[in-house]
Amino acid sequence: MNQSSLHPGFTPNVVAVVGNQRPDSRTLRLASGIADGLAGQLGDAPAVAIDLVNLPLEDGSFSPDLNELVRTAQVVIAASPTVMGSYSGLLKLFLDGLPEAALLGKTGIPLMIARQARHALAADVHLRPALLELGATCSTPSLVALESELASLGADGLVTAWLERSGSWLGGIPA
């Protein structure tokens, strides 16, 4: 799953939108793993991870094609590192550019990577409300990965643990 999967007519069921300032970040790898895991649970539904840092801005916003990908998805993962106790400006720019109610009828999953445990609630306090405001249903627990957990468990270990923990909430996503 990657941006090279994007072509006219490609309609993924799971879209991870990553707002990290660094290309090919740990945030991207973790979000990709969650998207792939969810796609497998949805019967190998198509999935894609979008690294916003690699996309050009036109008049201060992203391409309408990205909005269309999000509009057609069943699950939207919004992923960011913790920046000043909240999510990144790059992800905010994307979310602010979505039309009102763009995520209506979709499952939204907040995902953040934090350096310190004191930022463990950042996804629930800042990112979840943004997704809810756009109409998403956020029925799963947020995934906040501490950098120390990434170092010890790795992205695969965190993905597996989150998917196991979230299984009962994920049952409502149609396959």
Protein backbone atom coordinates (compact mmCIF):
# COMPACT_ATOMS: atom_id res chain seq x y z
CA MET A 1 0.00 0.00 0.00
CA ASN A 2 1.43 3.38 -0.98
CA GLN A 3 0.78 6.51 -2.95
CA SER A 4 1.87 4.85 -6.19
CA SER A 5 -1.42 2.91 -5.89
CA LEU A 6 -3.23 6.13 -6.73
CA HIS A 7 -4.61 6.23 -10.22
CA PRO A 8 -7.94 7.20 -11.73
CA GLY A 9 -10.65 4.79 -10.64
CA PHE A 10 -8.73 3.50 -7.58
CA THR A 11 -11.16 3.57 -4.67
CA PRO A 12 -9.65 2.27 -1.43
CA ASN A 13 -11.84 1.24 1.49
CA VAL A 14 -9.18 2.27 4.01
CA VAL A 15 -7.28 5.55 3.67
CA ALA A 16 -4.54 6.64 6.07
CA VAL A 17 -3.68 10.33 5.83
CA VAL A 18 -0.32 11.10 7.45
CA GLY A 19 0.66 14.62 8.46
CA ASN A 20 4.31 14.21 9.41
CA GLN A 21 6.85 16.79 8.21
CA ARG A 22 9.36 14.00 7.53
CA PRO A 23 8.89 11.78 4.47
CA ASP A 24 8.69 8.03 5.07
CA SER A 25 8.28 8.58 8.81
CA ARG A 26 7.51 6.16 11.63
CA THR A 27 4.05 7.73 11.63
CA LEU A 28 3.60 6.64 8.01
CA ARG A 29 4.82 3.12 8.74
CA LEU A 30 2.50 2.75 11.73
CA ALA A 31 -0.52 4.18 9.86
CA SER A 32 0.24 1.91 6.88
CA GLY A 33 0.34 -1.10 9.17
CA ILE A 34 -3.02 -0.24 10.72
CA ALA A 35 -4.54 0.38 7.27
CA ASP A 36 -3.21 -2.94 5.97
CA GLY A 37 -4.47 -4.77 9.06
CA LEU A 38 -7.92 -3.22 8.74
CA ALA A 39 -8.02 -3.99 5.03
CA GLY A 40 -7.33 -7.63 5.86
CA GLN A 41 -10.16 -7.66 8.40
CA LEU A 42 -12.48 -6.17 5.78
CA GLY A 43 -11.82 -9.02 3.37
CA ASP A 44 -8.63 -7.68 1.77
CA ALA A 45 -10.29 -4.39 0.88
CA PRO A 46 -8.00 -1.94 -0.91
CA ALA A 47 -5.99 0.37 1.35
CA VAL A 48 -3.69 3.31 0.80
CA ALA A 49 -1.50 5.56 2.96
CA ILE A 50 -1.04 9.14 1.85
CA ASP A 51 2.11 10.95 3.04
CA LEU A 52 0.96 14.58 2.89
CA VAL A 53 4.52 15.92 2.99
CA ASN A 54 5.06 14.48 -0.51
CA LEU A 55 2.02 16.16 -2.05
CA PRO A 56 2.08 19.60 -3.65
CA LEU A 57 -0.12 22.39 -2.41
CA GLU A 58 -2.13 24.41 -4.89
CA ASP A 59 -3.36 27.76 -3.59
CA GLY A 60 -2.76 26.58 -0.02
CA SER A 61 -4.70 23.32 -0.26
CA PHE A 62 -4.28 19.74 -1.41
CA SER A 63 -5.64 18.30 -4.63
CA PRO A 64 -9.40 17.65 -4.75
CA ASP A 65 -8.45 14.09 -5.81
CA LEU A 66 -7.31 13.44 -2.23
CA ASN A 67 -10.67 14.64 -0.90
CA GLU A 68 -12.35 12.23 -3.32
CA LEU A 69 -10.27 9.29 -2.03
CA VAL A 70 -11.33 10.12 1.51
CA ARG A 71 -14.96 10.57 0.43
CA THR A 72 -15.12 7.06 -1.06
CA ALA A 73 -13.38 5.26 1.83
CA GLN A 74 -15.11 3.38 4.65
CA VAL A 75 -12.29 3.99 7.14
CA VAL A 76 -10.13 7.11 7.44
CA ILE A 77 -7.05 7.02 9.64
CA ALA A 78 -5.74 10.47 10.57
CA ALA A 79 -2.12 10.15 11.70
CA SER A 80 0.33 12.65 13.10
CA PRO A 81 3.25 12.99 15.45
CA THR A 82 2.46 14.96 18.59
CA VAL A 83 3.44 18.57 17.98
CA MET A 84 3.18 21.01 20.89
CA GLY A 85 0.73 18.61 22.57
CA SER A 86 -1.56 18.42 19.52
CA TYR A 87 -1.50 17.18 15.93
CA SER A 88 0.60 18.66 13.13
CA GLY A 89 -0.21 21.74 11.09
CA LEU A 90 0.15 19.66 7.93
CA LEU A 91 -2.69 17.34 9.01
CA LYS A 92 -4.72 20.36 10.16
CA LEU A 93 -4.31 21.95 6.73
CA PHE A 94 -5.69 18.77 5.14
CA LEU A 95 -8.60 18.40 7.58
CA ASP A 96 -9.51 22.09 7.26
CA GLY A 97 -9.66 21.65 3.48
CA LEU A 98 -12.26 18.88 3.63
CA PRO A 99 -15.86 19.88 2.93
CA GLU A 100 -18.33 19.97 5.80
CA ALA A 101 -19.54 16.47 6.75
CA ALA A 102 -16.88 14.90 4.48
CA LEU A 103 -16.48 11.98 6.88
CA LEU A 104 -20.17 11.33 7.47
CA GLY A 105 -20.81 7.58 7.54
CA LYS A 106 -17.10 6.75 7.86
CA THR A 107 -15.11 5.25 10.68
CA GLY A 108 -12.40 7.66 11.80
CA ILE A 109 -9.32 6.46 13.63
CA PRO A 110 -7.06 8.97 15.40
CA LEU A 111 -3.40 7.87 15.46
CA MET A 112 -0.53 9.76 17.03
CA ILE A 113 3.06 9.16 18.01
CA ALA A 114 4.19 10.87 21.21
CA ARG A 115 7.60 11.30 22.79
CA GLN A 116 6.29 11.49 26.34
CA ALA A 117 3.51 9.71 28.23
CA ARG A 118 2.02 13.08 29.21
CA HIS A 119 0.86 13.41 25.58
CA ALA A 120 -0.98 10.08 25.63
CA LEU A 121 -4.38 11.83 25.51
CA ALA A 122 -3.53 14.15 22.60
CA ALA A 123 -5.33 11.97 20.07
CA ASP A 124 -8.52 11.89 22.15
CA VAL A 125 -8.39 15.54 23.18
CA HIS A 126 -7.43 17.10 19.82
CA LEU A 127 -7.63 14.71 16.87
CA ARG A 128 -10.80 12.76 17.72
CA PRO A 129 -12.91 15.97 18.00
CA ALA A 130 -11.65 17.11 14.58
CA LEU A 131 -12.74 13.82 13.01
CA LEU A 132 -16.10 13.92 14.81
CA GLU A 133 -16.69 17.48 13.64
CA LEU A 134 -16.26 16.28 10.05
CA GLY A 135 -18.92 13.62 10.65
CA ALA A 136 -16.81 10.51 11.33
CA THR A 137 -17.78 7.88 13.85
CA CYS A 138 -14.81 7.18 16.10
CA SER A 139 -15.84 3.89 17.67
CA THR A 140 -12.36 2.47 18.24
CA PRO A 141 -9.82 3.49 20.83
CA SER A 142 -7.31 6.03 19.57
CA LEU A 143 -3.86 4.69 18.90
CA VAL A 144 -1.19 6.70 20.67
CA ALA A 145 2.21 5.11 20.34
CA LEU A 146 4.99 6.30 22.58
CA GLU A 147 8.36 6.48 20.87
CA SER A 148 9.72 4.10 23.54
CA GLU A 149 7.01 1.55 22.59
CA LEU A 150 7.93 1.86 18.93
CA ALA A 151 11.54 1.19 19.83
CA SER A 152 10.76 -1.88 21.96
CA LEU A 153 7.74 -3.43 20.18
CA GLY A 154 8.22 -2.07 16.68
CA ALA A 155 5.40 -0.91 14.40
CA ASP A 156 4.27 -4.49 13.71
CA GLY A 157 3.90 -5.25 17.42
CA LEU A 158 1.90 -2.08 18.04
CA VAL A 159 -0.33 -2.75 15.02
CA THR A 160 -1.08 -6.30 16.19
CA ALA A 161 -1.81 -5.17 19.76
CA TRP A 162 -4.11 -2.34 18.61
CA LEU A 163 -6.02 -4.56 16.16
CA GLU A 164 -6.55 -7.19 18.88
CA ARG A 165 -7.65 -4.56 21.41
CA SER A 166 -9.99 -2.87 18.92
CA GLY A 167 -11.58 -5.99 17.45
CA SER A 168 -14.91 -5.63 19.23
CA TRP A 169 -15.28 -2.02 18.05
CA LEU A 170 -14.29 -2.90 14.50
CA GLY A 171 -17.13 -5.40 14.14
CA GLY A 172 -19.45 -2.59 12.99
CA ILE A 173 -17.44 -1.81 9.85
CA PRO A 174 -19.14 -3.50 6.90
CA ALA A 175 -16.89 -5.80 4.88
